[in-house]
PDB file of N, CA and C in Angstrom:
ATOM      1  N   UNK A   1     123.929  87.812 -10.445  1.00  0.00           N
ATOM      2  CA  UNK A   1     124.833  86.978 -10.030  1.00  0.00           C
ATOM      3  C   UNK A   1     125.976  87.832  -9.419  1.00  0.00           C
ATOM      4  N   UNK A   2     126.412  87.354  -8.137  1.00  0.00           N
ATOM      5  CA  UNK A   2     127.401  88.194  -7.508  1.00  0.00           C
ATOM      6  C   UNK A   2     128.773  87.581  -8.054  1.00  0.00           C
ATOM      7  N   UNK A   3     129.620  88.600  -8.161  1.00  0.00           N
ATOM      8  CA  UNK A   3     131.088  88.208  -8.439  1.00  0.00           C
ATOM      9  C   UNK A   3     131.984  88.726  -7.271  1.00  0.00           C
ATOM     10  N   UNK A   4     132.694  88.015  -6.718  1.00  0.00           N
ATOM     11  CA  UNK A   4     133.481  88.630  -5.494  1.00  0.00           C
ATOM     12  C   UNK A   4     132.597  88.998  -4.187  1.00  0.00           C
ATOM     13  N   UNK A   5     132.882  89.979  -3.533  1.00  0.00           N
ATOM     14  CA  UNK A   5     132.119  90.450  -2.425  1.00  0.00           C
ATOM     15  C   UNK A   5     131.226  91.813  -2.779  1.00  0.00           C
ATOM     16  N   UNK A   6     131.699  92.551  -3.747  1.00  0.00           N
ATOM     17  CA  UNK A   6     131.399  93.827  -4.038  1.00  0.00           C
ATOM     18  C   UNK A   6     130.654  94.383  -5.336  1.00  0.00           C
ATOM     19  N   UNK A   7     130.596  93.579  -6.091  1.00  0.00           N
ATOM     20  CA  UNK A   7     129.835  93.862  -7.585  1.00  0.00           C
ATOM     21  C   UNK A   7     128.974  92.839  -7.990  1.00  0.00           C
ATOM     22  N   UNK A   8     128.430  93.105  -9.045  1.00  0.00           N
ATOM     23  CA  UNK A   8     127.545  92.244  -9.652  1.00  0.00           C
ATOM     24  C   UNK A   8     128.414  91.828 -10.952  1.00  0.00           C
ATOM     25  N   UNK A   9     128.280  90.738 -11.437  1.00  0.00           N
ATOM     26  CA  UNK A   9     129.109  90.180 -12.770  1.00  0.00           C
ATOM     27  C   UNK A   9     128.827  91.110 -13.789  1.00  0.00           C
ATOM     28  N   UNK A  10     129.881  91.477 -14.452  1.00  0.00           N
ATOM     29  CA  UNK A  10     129.880  92.396 -15.520  1.00  0.00           C
ATOM     30  C   UNK A  10     129.051  93.527 -15.460  1.00  0.00           C
ATOM     31  N   UNK A  11     128.917  94.319 -14.135  1.00  0.00           N
ATOM     32  CA  UNK A  11     128.393  95.505 -13.759  1.00  0.00           C
ATOM     33  C   UNK A  11     129.348  96.359 -12.976  1.00  0.00           C
ATOM     34  N   UNK A  12     129.240  97.652 -13.401  1.00  0.00           N
ATOM     35  CA  UNK A  12     129.996  98.689 -12.568  1.00  0.00           C
ATOM     36  C   UNK A  12     129.415  99.406 -11.619  1.00  0.00           C
ATOM     37  N   UNK A  13     127.972  99.136 -11.574  1.00  0.00           N
ATOM     38  CA  UNK A  13     126.992  99.666 -10.407  1.00  0.00           C
ATOM     39  C   UNK A  13     127.221  99.005  -9.221  1.00  0.00           C
ATOM     40  N   UNK A  14     127.101  99.898  -8.310  1.00  0.00           N
ATOM     41  CA  UNK A  14     127.450  99.408  -6.850  1.00  0.00           C
ATOM     42  C   UNK A  14     125.907  98.817  -6.301  1.00  0.00           C
ATOM     43  N   UNK A  15     125.991  98.005  -5.336  1.00  0.00           N
ATOM     44  CA  UNK A  15     124.830  97.232  -4.935  1.00  0.00           C
ATOM     45  C   UNK A  15     123.709  98.252  -4.369  1.00  0.00           C
ATOM     46  N   UNK A  16     123.974  99.462  -3.934  1.00  0.00           N
ATOM     47  CA  UNK A  16     123.129 100.412  -3.538  1.00  0.00           C
ATOM     48  C   UNK A  16     122.379 100.926  -4.822  1.00  0.00           C
ATOM     49  N   UNK A  17     122.856 101.230  -5.707  1.00  0.00           N
ATOM     50  CA  UNK A  17     122.606 101.707  -7.086  1.00  0.00           C
ATOM     51  C   UNK A  17     121.736 100.715  -7.501  1.00  0.00           C
ATOM     52  N   UNK A  18     122.056  99.350  -7.597  1.00  0.00           N
ATOM     53  CA  UNK A  18     121.297  98.358  -8.221  1.00  0.00           C
ATOM     54  C   UNK A  18     119.924  98.187  -7.517  1.00  0.00           C
ATOM     55  N   UNK A  19     119.885  98.420  -6.224  1.00  0.00           N
ATOM     56  CA  UNK A  19     118.698  98.277  -5.500  1.00  0.00           C
ATOM     57  C   UNK A  19     117.742  99.422  -5.754  1.00  0.00           C
ATOM     58  N   UNK A  20     118.359 100.704  -5.854  1.00  0.00           N
ATOM     59  CA  UNK A  20     117.572 101.830  -6.167  1.00  0.00           C
ATOM     60  C   UNK A  20     116.969 101.560  -7.634  1.00  0.00           C
ATOM     61  N   UNK A  21     117.684 101.209  -8.551  1.00  0.00           N
ATOM     62  CA  UNK A  21     117.017 100.889  -9.814  1.00  0.00           C
ATOM     63  C   UNK A  21     115.981  99.742  -9.781  1.00  0.00           C
ATOM     64  N   UNK A  22     116.255  98.666  -9.044  1.00  0.00           N
ATOM     65  CA  UNK A  22     115.320  97.704  -9.161  1.00  0.00           C
ATOM     66  C   UNK A  22     113.904  98.127  -8.487  1.00  0.00           C
ATOM     67  N   UNK A  23     114.075  98.910  -7.242  1.00  0.00           N
ATOM     68  CA  UNK A  23     112.806  99.438  -6.692  1.00  0.00           C
ATOM     69  C   UNK A  23     112.039 100.346  -7.566  1.00  0.00           C
ATOM     70  N   UNK A  24     112.842 101.176  -8.434  1.00  0.00           N
ATOM     71  CA  UNK A  24     112.135 102.087  -9.393  1.00  0.00           C
ATOM     72  C   UNK A  24     111.505 101.229 -10.565  1.00  0.00           C
ATOM     73  N   UNK A  25     112.197 100.398 -11.087  1.00  0.00           N
ATOM     74  CA  UNK A  25     111.856  99.705 -12.236  1.00  0.00           C
ATOM     75  C   UNK A  25     110.422  98.620 -11.690  1.00  0.00           C
ATOM     76  N   UNK A  26     110.474  98.072 -10.866  1.00  0.00           N
ATOM     77  CA  UNK A  26     109.544  97.106 -10.438  1.00  0.00           C
ATOM     78  C   UNK A  26     108.395  97.840  -9.515  1.00  0.00           C
ATOM     79  N   UNK A  27     108.630  98.975  -9.060  1.00  0.00           N
ATOM     80  CA  UNK A  27     107.586  99.486  -8.167  1.00  0.00           C
ATOM     81  C   UNK A  27     107.284  99.003  -7.040  1.00  0.00           C
ATOM     82  N   UNK A  28     108.425  98.103  -6.471  1.00  0.00           N
ATOM     83  CA  UNK A  28     108.179  97.604  -5.339  1.00  0.00           C
ATOM     84  C   UNK A  28     108.514  98.549  -4.047  1.00  0.00           C
ATOM     85  N   UNK A  29     108.290  98.055  -2.829  1.00  0.00           N
ATOM     86  CA  UNK A  29     108.510  98.733  -1.548  1.00  0.00           C
ATOM     87  C   UNK A  29     110.115  98.624  -1.254  1.00  0.00           C
ATOM     88  N   UNK A  30     110.514  99.508  -0.402  1.00  0.00           N
ATOM     89  CA  UNK A  30     111.964  99.396  -0.027  1.00  0.00           C
ATOM     90  C   UNK A  30     112.321  98.262   0.505  1.00  0.00           C
ATOM     91  N   UNK A  31     111.302  97.687   1.352  1.00  0.00           N
ATOM     92  CA  UNK A  31     111.835  96.374   2.034  1.00  0.00           C
ATOM     93  C   UNK A  31     111.911  95.245   1.229  1.00  0.00           C
ATOM     94  N   UNK A  32     110.843  95.196   0.191  1.00  0.00           N
ATOM     95  CA  UNK A  32     110.820  94.321  -1.018  1.00  0.00           C
ATOM     96  C   UNK A  32     112.279  94.363  -1.718  1.00  0.00           C
ATOM     97  N   UNK A  33     112.601  95.440  -1.961  1.00  0.00           N
ATOM     98  CA  UNK A  33     113.965  95.663  -2.778  1.00  0.00           C
ATOM     99  C   UNK A  33     115.282  95.156  -2.016  1.00  0.00           C
ATOM    100  N   UNK A  34     115.093  95.549  -0.762  1.00  0.00           N
ATOM    101  CA  UNK A  34     116.307  95.240   0.130  1.00  0.00           C
ATOM    102  C   UNK A  34     116.285  93.705   0.267  1.00  0.00           C
ATOM    103  N   UNK A  35     115.054  93.196   0.502  1.00  0.00           N
ATOM    104  CA  UNK A  35     115.079  91.776   0.548  1.00  0.00           C
ATOM    105  C   UNK A  35     115.462  90.975  -0.580  1.00  0.00           C
ATOM    106  N   UNK A  36     115.302  91.487  -1.811  1.00  0.00           N
ATOM    107  CA  UNK A  36     115.800  90.842  -2.995  1.00  0.00           C
ATOM    108  C   UNK A  36     117.438  90.993  -3.340  1.00  0.00           C
ATOM    109  N   UNK A  37     118.126  91.961  -2.378  1.00  0.00           N
ATOM    110  CA  UNK A  37     119.361  91.871  -2.285  1.00  0.00           C
ATOM    111  C   UNK A  37     120.143  91.177  -1.251  1.00  0.00           C
ATOM    112  N   UNK A  38     119.272  90.927  -0.240  1.00  0.00           N
ATOM    113  CA  UNK A  38     119.778  90.331   1.036  1.00  0.00           C
ATOM    114  C   UNK A  38     119.254  88.951   1.299  1.00  0.00           C
ATOM    115  N   UNK A  39     118.147  88.936   1.861  1.00  0.00           N
ATOM    116  CA  UNK A  39     117.475  87.731   2.154  1.00  0.00           C
ATOM    117  C   UNK A  39     117.277  86.666   1.124  1.00  0.00           C
ATOM    118  N   UNK A  40     116.759  87.079  -0.172  1.00  0.00           N
ATOM    119  CA  UNK A  40     116.590  86.155  -1.150  1.00  0.00           C
ATOM    120  C   UNK A  40     117.775  85.303  -1.547  1.00  0.00           C
ATOM    121  N   UNK A  41     118.768  86.119  -1.861  1.00  0.00           N
ATOM    122  CA  UNK A  41     120.056  85.287  -2.205  1.00  0.00           C
ATOM    123  C   UNK A  41     120.653  84.387  -1.157  1.00  0.00           C
ATOM    124  N   UNK A  42     120.488  84.792   0.140  1.00  0.00           N
ATOM    125  CA  UNK A  42     120.889  84.011   1.309  1.00  0.00           C
ATOM    126  C   UNK A  42     119.992  82.743   1.204  1.00  0.00           C
ATOM    127  N   UNK A  43     118.735  82.827   1.035  1.00  0.00           N
ATOM    128  CA  UNK A  43     117.792  81.685   1.082  1.00  0.00           C
ATOM    129  C   UNK A  43     118.299  80.710  -0.137  1.00  0.00           C
ATOM    130  N   UNK A  44     118.667  81.377  -1.325  1.00  0.00           N
ATOM    131  CA  UNK A  44     118.916  80.378  -2.550  1.00  0.00           C
ATOM    132  C   UNK A  44     120.190  79.580  -1.966  1.00  0.00           C
ATOM    133  N   UNK A  45     121.138  80.297  -1.397  1.00  0.00           N
ATOM    134  CA  UNK A  45     122.473  79.712  -0.988  1.00  0.00           C
ATOM    135  C   UNK A  45     122.291  78.863   0.213  1.00  0.00           C
ATOM    136  N   UNK A  46     121.192  78.826   0.822  1.00  0.00           N
ATOM    137  CA  UNK A  46     120.847  78.189   2.014  1.00  0.00           C
ATOM    138  C   UNK A  46     121.762  78.596   3.267  1.00  0.00           C
ATOM    139  N   UNK A  47     121.896  79.821   3.314  1.00  0.00           N
ATOM    140  CA  UNK A  47     122.749  80.364   4.420  1.00  0.00           C
ATOM    141  C   UNK A  47     122.031  81.549   5.174  1.00  0.00           C
ATOM    142  N   UNK A  48     120.624  81.437   5.100  1.00  0.00           N
ATOM    143  CA  UNK A  48     119.908  82.558   5.694  1.00  0.00           C
ATOM    144  C   UNK A  48     119.874  82.470   7.139  1.00  0.00           C
ATOM    145  N   UNK A  49     120.475  81.414   7.823  1.00  0.00           N
ATOM    146  CA  UNK A  49     120.566  81.271   9.293  1.00  0.00           C
ATOM    147  C   UNK A  49     121.709  82.351   9.727  1.00  0.00           C
ATOM    148  N   UNK A  50     122.677  82.681   8.981  1.00  0.00           N
ATOM    149  CA  UNK A  50     123.646  83.582   9.358  1.00  0.00           C
ATOM    150  C   UNK A  50     123.681  85.063   8.323  1.00  0.00           C
ATOM    151  N   UNK A  51     123.128  84.872   7.277  1.00  0.00           N
ATOM    152  CA  UNK A  51     123.187  85.863   6.334  1.00  0.00           C
ATOM    153  C   UNK A  51     121.992  86.434   5.871  1.00  0.00           C
ATOM    154  N   UNK A  52     121.876  87.732   5.563  1.00  0.00           N
ATOM    155  CA  UNK A  52     120.559  88.301   4.901  1.00  0.00           C
ATOM    156  C   UNK A  52     119.526  88.585   5.829  1.00  0.00           C
ATOM    157  N   UNK A  53     119.622  88.397   7.184  1.00  0.00           N
ATOM    158  CA  UNK A  53     118.567  88.889   8.206  1.00  0.00           C
ATOM    159  C   UNK A  53     119.124  89.436   9.328  1.00  0.00           C
ATOM    160  N   UNK A  54     118.270  89.940  10.296  1.00  0.00           N
ATOM    161  CA  UNK A  54     118.849  90.627  11.383  1.00  0.00           C
ATOM    162  C   UNK A  54     118.416  89.681  12.721  1.00  0.00           C
ATOM    163  N   UNK A  55     118.409  88.386  12.282  1.00  0.00           N
ATOM    164  CA  UNK A  55     117.901  87.549  13.292  1.00  0.00           C
ATOM    165  C   UNK A  55     119.174  87.313  14.334  1.00  0.00           C
ATOM    166  N   UNK A  56     118.640  86.986  15.666  1.00  0.00           N
ATOM    167  CA  UNK A  56     119.378  86.650  16.691  1.00  0.00           C
ATOM    168  C   UNK A  56     120.609  85.390  16.211  1.00  0.00           C
ATOM    169  N   UNK A  57     121.655  85.724  16.404  1.00  0.00           N
ATOM    170  CA  UNK A  57     122.926  84.932  16.131  1.00  0.00           C
ATOM    171  C   UNK A  57     123.184  84.910  14.551  1.00  0.00           C
ATOM    172  N   UNK A  58     122.651  85.905  13.835  1.00  0.00           N
ATOM    173  CA  UNK A  58     123.126  85.931  12.429  1.00  0.00           C
ATOM    174  C   UNK A  58     124.359  86.893  12.466  1.00  0.00           C
ATOM    175  N   UNK A  59     125.192  86.825  11.435  1.00  0.00           N
ATOM    176  CA  UNK A  59     126.356  87.636  11.376  1.00  0.00           C
ATOM    177  C   UNK A  59     125.948  89.006  11.506  1.00  0.00           C
ATOM    178  N   UNK A  60     126.705  89.993  12.031  1.00  0.00           N
ATOM    179  CA  UNK A  60     126.347  91.217  12.208  1.00  0.00           C
ATOM    180  C   UNK A  60     127.182  92.169  10.976  1.00  0.00           C
ATOM    181  N   UNK A  61     126.713  91.786   9.773  1.00  0.00           N
ATOM    182  CA  UNK A  61     127.129  92.376   8.591  1.00  0.00           C
ATOM    183  C   UNK A  61     126.117  93.408   8.224  1.00  0.00           C
ATOM    184  N   UNK A  62     126.252  94.616   8.466  1.00  0.00           N
ATOM    185  CA  UNK A  62     125.181  95.675   8.345  1.00  0.00           C
ATOM    186  C   UNK A  62     125.620  96.848   7.389  1.00  0.00           C
ATOM    187  N   UNK A  63     124.544  97.603   6.709  1.00  0.00           N
ATOM    188  CA  UNK A  63     124.821  98.511   5.933  1.00  0.00           C
ATOM    189  C   UNK A  63     123.694  99.618   6.529  1.00  0.00           C
ATOM    190  N   UNK A  64     124.079 100.942   6.636  1.00  0.00           N
ATOM    191  CA  UNK A  64     123.364 101.785   7.065  1.00  0.00           C
ATOM    192  C   UNK A  64     122.948 102.662   5.858  1.00  0.00           C
ATOM    193  N   UNK A  65     121.619 102.768   5.507  1.00  0.00           N
ATOM    194  CA  UNK A  65     121.341 103.493   4.368  1.00  0.00           C
ATOM    195  C   UNK A  65     120.185 104.723   4.847  1.00  0.00           C
ATOM    196  N   UNK A  66     120.228 105.693   4.007  1.00  0.00           N
ATOM    197  CA  UNK A  66     119.318 106.784   4.180  1.00  0.00           C
ATOM    198  C   UNK A  66     117.953 106.575   3.414  1.00  0.00           C
ATOM    199  N   UNK A  67     117.052 107.423   3.366  1.00  0.00           N
ATOM    200  CA  UNK A  67     115.668 107.068   2.693  1.00  0.00           C
ATOM    201  C   UNK A  67     115.883 106.896   1.349  1.00  0.00           C
ATOM    202  N   UNK A  68     116.980 107.431   0.612  1.00  0.00           N
ATOM    203  CA  UNK A  68     117.222 107.368  -0.755  1.00  0.00           C
ATOM    204  C   UNK A  68     118.116 106.025  -1.276  1.00  0.00           C
ATOM    205  N   UNK A  69     118.169 105.239   0.001  1.00  0.00           N
ATOM    206  CA  UNK A  69     119.070 103.940  -0.250  1.00  0.00           C
ATOM    207  C   UNK A  69     120.602 104.251  -0.476  1.00  0.00           C
ATOM    208  N   UNK A  70     121.073 105.376  -0.120  1.00  0.00           N
ATOM    209  CA  UNK A  70     122.534 105.610  -0.291  1.00  0.00           C
ATOM    210  C   UNK A  70     123.269 105.144   0.975  1.00  0.00           C
ATOM    211  N   UNK A  71     124.302 104.591   0.786  1.00  0.00           N
ATOM    212  CA  UNK A  71     125.082 104.036   2.010  1.00  0.00           C
ATOM    213  C   UNK A  71     125.900 105.130   2.764  1.00  0.00           C
ATOM    214  N   UNK A  72     125.596 104.964   4.160  1.00  0.00           N
ATOM    215  CA  UNK A  72     126.228 105.842   5.005  1.00  0.00           C
ATOM    216  C   UNK A  72     127.375 105.201   5.881  1.00  0.00           C
ATOM    217  N   UNK A  73     127.096 103.766   6.058  1.00  0.00           N
ATOM    218  CA  UNK A  73     128.222 103.137   6.869  1.00  0.00           C
ATOM    219  C   UNK A  73     128.007 101.601   6.513  1.00  0.00           C
ATOM    220  N   UNK A  74     129.097 100.965   6.699  1.00  0.00           N
ATOM    221  CA  UNK A  74     129.084  99.467   6.504  1.00  0.00           C
ATOM    222  C   UNK A  74     129.837  98.710   7.702  1.00  0.00           C
ATOM    223  N   UNK A  75     129.254  97.714   8.236  1.00  0.00           N
ATOM    224  CA  UNK A  75     129.739  96.805   9.377  1.00  0.00           C
ATOM    225  C   UNK A  75     129.951  95.432   8.711  1.00  0.00           C
ATOM    226  N   UNK A  76     131.113  94.898   9.251  1.00  0.00           N
ATOM    227  CA  UNK A  76     131.601  93.444   8.974  1.00  0.00           C
ATOM    228  C   UNK A  76     131.542  92.954  10.254  1.00  0.00           C
ATOM    229  N   UNK A  77     130.920  91.774  10.613  1.00  0.00           N
ATOM    230  CA  UNK A  77     131.141  91.034  11.972  1.00  0.00           C
ATOM    231  C   UNK A  77     130.789  92.088  13.105  1.00  0.00           C
ATOM    232  N   UNK A  78     130.176  92.917  12.842  1.00  0.00           N
ATOM    233  CA  UNK A  78     129.686  94.068  13.976  1.00  0.00           C
ATOM    234  C   UNK A  78     130.618  95.269  14.129  1.00  0.00           C
ATOM    235  N   UNK A  79     131.602  95.278  13.118  1.00  0.00           N
ATOM    236  CA  UNK A  79     132.762  96.134  13.405  1.00  0.00           C
ATOM    237  C   UNK A  79     132.568  97.249  12.043  1.00  0.00           C
ATOM    238  N   UNK A  80     132.733  98.611  12.451  1.00  0.00           N
ATOM    239  CA  UNK A  80     132.519  99.580  11.302  1.00  0.00           C
ATOM    240  C   UNK A  80     133.715  99.402  10.387  1.00  0.00           C
ATOM    241  N   UNK A  81     133.752  99.229   9.163  1.00  0.00           N
ATOM    242  CA  UNK A  81     134.677  99.161   8.179  1.00  0.00           C
ATOM    243  C   UNK A  81     134.615 100.111   7.078  1.00  0.00           C
ATOM    244  N   UNK A  82     133.527 101.088   7.083  1.00  0.00           N
ATOM    245  CA  UNK A  82     133.543 102.119   6.162  1.00  0.00           C
ATOM    246  C   UNK A  82     132.410 103.028   6.609  1.00  0.00           C
ATOM    247  N   UNK A  83     132.854 104.343   6.775  1.00  0.00           N
ATOM    248  CA  UNK A  83     131.839 105.432   6.974  1.00  0.00           C
ATOM    249  C   UNK A  83     131.809 106.509   6.114  1.00  0.00           C
ATOM    250  N   UNK A  84     130.618 106.890   5.653  1.00  0.00           N
ATOM    251  CA  UNK A  84     130.642 108.024   4.783  1.00  0.00           C
ATOM    252  C   UNK A  84     131.126 109.371   5.514  1.00  0.00           C
ATOM    253  N   UNK A  85     131.975 109.953   4.987  1.00  0.00           N
ATOM    254  CA  UNK A  85     132.348 111.318   5.627  1.00  0.00           C
ATOM    255  C   UNK A  85     131.302 112.225   5.675  1.00  0.00           C
ATOM    256  N   UNK A  86     130.971 112.631   6.863  1.00  0.00           N
ATOM    257  CA  UNK A  86     129.784 113.533   7.427  1.00  0.00           C
ATOM    258  C   UNK A  86     128.689 112.778   7.025  1.00  0.00           C
ATOM    259  N   UNK A  87     128.579 111.434   7.183  1.00  0.00           N
ATOM    260  CA  UNK A  87     127.435 110.899   6.873  1.00  0.00           C
ATOM    261  C   UNK A  87     126.390 110.652   8.115  1.00  0.00           C
ATOM    262  N   UNK A  88     125.355 109.904   8.042  1.00  0.00           N
ATOM    263  CA  UNK A  88     124.318 110.020   9.165  1.00  0.00           C
ATOM    264  C   UNK A  88     125.029 109.519  10.409  1.00  0.00           C
ATOM    265  N   UNK A  89     125.883 108.358  10.273  1.00  0.00           N
ATOM    266  CA  UNK A  89     126.152 107.730  11.511  1.00  0.00           C
ATOM    267  C   UNK A  89     127.621 107.946  11.959  1.00  0.00           C
ATOM    268  N   UNK A  90     128.420 108.993  11.084  1.00  0.00           N
ATOM    269  CA  UNK A  90     129.873 109.011  11.283  1.00  0.00           C
ATOM    270  C   UNK A  90     130.078 109.629  12.726  1.00  0.00           C
ATOM    271  N   UNK A  91     129.513 110.722  13.297  1.00  0.00           N
ATOM    272  CA  UNK A  91     129.772 111.045  14.590  1.00  0.00           C
ATOM    273  C   UNK A  91     129.476 110.417  15.645  1.00  0.00           C
ATOM    274  N   UNK A  92     128.368 109.539  15.501  1.00  0.00           N
ATOM    275  CA  UNK A  92     127.833 108.585  16.457  1.00  0.00           C
ATOM    276  C   UNK A  92     128.889 107.471  16.573  1.00  0.00           C
ATOM    277  N   UNK A  93     129.406 106.979  15.429  1.00  0.00           N
ATOM    278  CA  UNK A  93     130.555 105.851  15.361  1.00  0.00           C
ATOM    279  C   UNK A  93     131.718 106.321  15.954  1.00  0.00           C
ATOM    280  N   UNK A  94     132.297 107.825  15.824  1.00  0.00           N
ATOM    281  CA  UNK A  94     133.441 108.240  16.361  1.00  0.00           C
ATOM    282  C   UNK A  94     133.448 108.320  17.797  1.00  0.00           C
ATOM    283  N   UNK A  95     132.212 108.334  18.478  1.00  0.00           N
ATOM    284  CA  UNK A  95     132.021 108.203  19.865  1.00  0.00           C
ATOM    285  C   UNK A  95     132.046 106.760  20.249  1.00  0.00           C
ATOM    286  N   UNK A  96     131.545 105.898  19.539  1.00  0.00           N
ATOM    287  CA  UNK A  96     131.512 104.571  20.171  1.00  0.00           C
ATOM    288  C   UNK A  96     132.899 103.760  19.844  1.00  0.00           C
ATOM    289  N   UNK A  97     133.405 104.106  18.846  1.00  0.00           N
ATOM    290  CA  UNK A  97     134.601 103.137  18.394  1.00  0.00           C
ATOM    291  C   UNK A  97     135.818 104.039  18.097  1.00  0.00           C
ATOM    292  N   UNK A  98     136.883 103.442  18.127  1.00  0.00           N
ATOM    293  CA  UNK A  98     138.302 104.100  17.822  1.00  0.00           C
ATOM    294  C   UNK A  98     138.315 103.874  16.322  1.00  0.00           C
ATOM    295  N   UNK A  99     137.941 104.911  15.496  1.00  0.00           N
ATOM    296  CA  UNK A  99     138.069 104.817  13.983  1.00  0.00           C
ATOM    297  C   UNK A  99     139.419 104.815  13.413  1.00  0.00           C
ATOM    298  N   UNK A 100     140.610 104.917  14.044  1.00  0.00           N
ATOM    299  CA  UNK A 100     141.731 104.885  13.599  1.00  0.00           C
ATOM    300  C   UNK A 100     142.281 103.216  13.360  1.00  0.00           C
ATOM    301  N   UNK A 101     141.463 102.466  13.636  1.00  0.00           N
ATOM    302  CA  UNK A 101     141.896 100.867  13.449  1.00  0.00           C
ATOM    303  C   UNK A 101     142.304 100.735  12.016  1.00  0.00           C
ATOM    304  N   UNK A 102     143.259  99.918  11.815  1.00  0.00           N
ATOM    305  CA  UNK A 102     143.759  99.749  10.503  1.00  0.00           C
ATOM    306  C   UNK A 102     142.961  99.122   9.496  1.00  0.00           C
ATOM    307  N   UNK A 103     141.744  98.345  10.223  1.00  0.00           N
ATOM    308  CA  UNK A 103     140.789  97.710   9.363  1.00  0.00           C
ATOM    309  C   UNK A 103     139.597  98.487   8.918  1.00  0.00           C
ATOM    310  N   UNK A 104     139.561  99.836   9.410  1.00  0.00           N
ATOM    311  CA  UNK A 104     138.514 100.632   9.112  1.00  0.00           C
ATOM    312  C   UNK A 104     138.888 101.713   7.990  1.00  0.00           C
ATOM    313  N   UNK A 105     137.941 101.875   7.015  1.00  0.00           N
ATOM    314  CA  UNK A 105     138.287 102.835   5.987  1.00  0.00           C
ATOM    315  C   UNK A 105     137.267 103.989   6.039  1.00  0.00           C
ATOM    316  N   UNK A 106     137.854 105.300   5.864  1.00  0.00           N
ATOM    317  CA  UNK A 106     137.168 106.287   5.761  1.00  0.00           C
ATOM    318  C   UNK A 106     137.015 106.738   4.404  1.00  0.00           C
ATOM    319  N   UNK A 107     135.925 107.182   3.910  1.00  0.00           N
ATOM    320  CA  UNK A 107     135.734 107.737   2.442  1.00  0.00           C
ATOM    321  C   UNK A 107     134.861 108.946   2.578  1.00  0.00           C
ATOM    322  N   UNK A 108     135.037 109.617   1.405  1.00  0.00           N
ATOM    323  CA  UNK A 108     134.182 110.848   1.100  1.00  0.00           C
ATOM    324  C   UNK A 108     132.913 110.468   0.355  1.00  0.00           C
TER     325      UNK A 108
END
């Protein structure tokens, strides 16, 4: 059950850690684990037209992950809001966007 925007109820684990653990415990594929955290909750809430998919006209809320499912960048409404320092997409994003925007946070 989600609490707020960023954590699971009564959990200190981040969403990427939860997905990693789910995948390992269930033996499912990466796609199945990601759908369990994105598409399926959106379907239950009946908001899959805008959330949980990469469909045309869905919200551009994106998370860039590496093969280990570690977060490298986060976008809300198509705008970068968090980039991992020296992450996979950091240098590319600095070329495309002005990252000194007050709504953008850089973390280590």
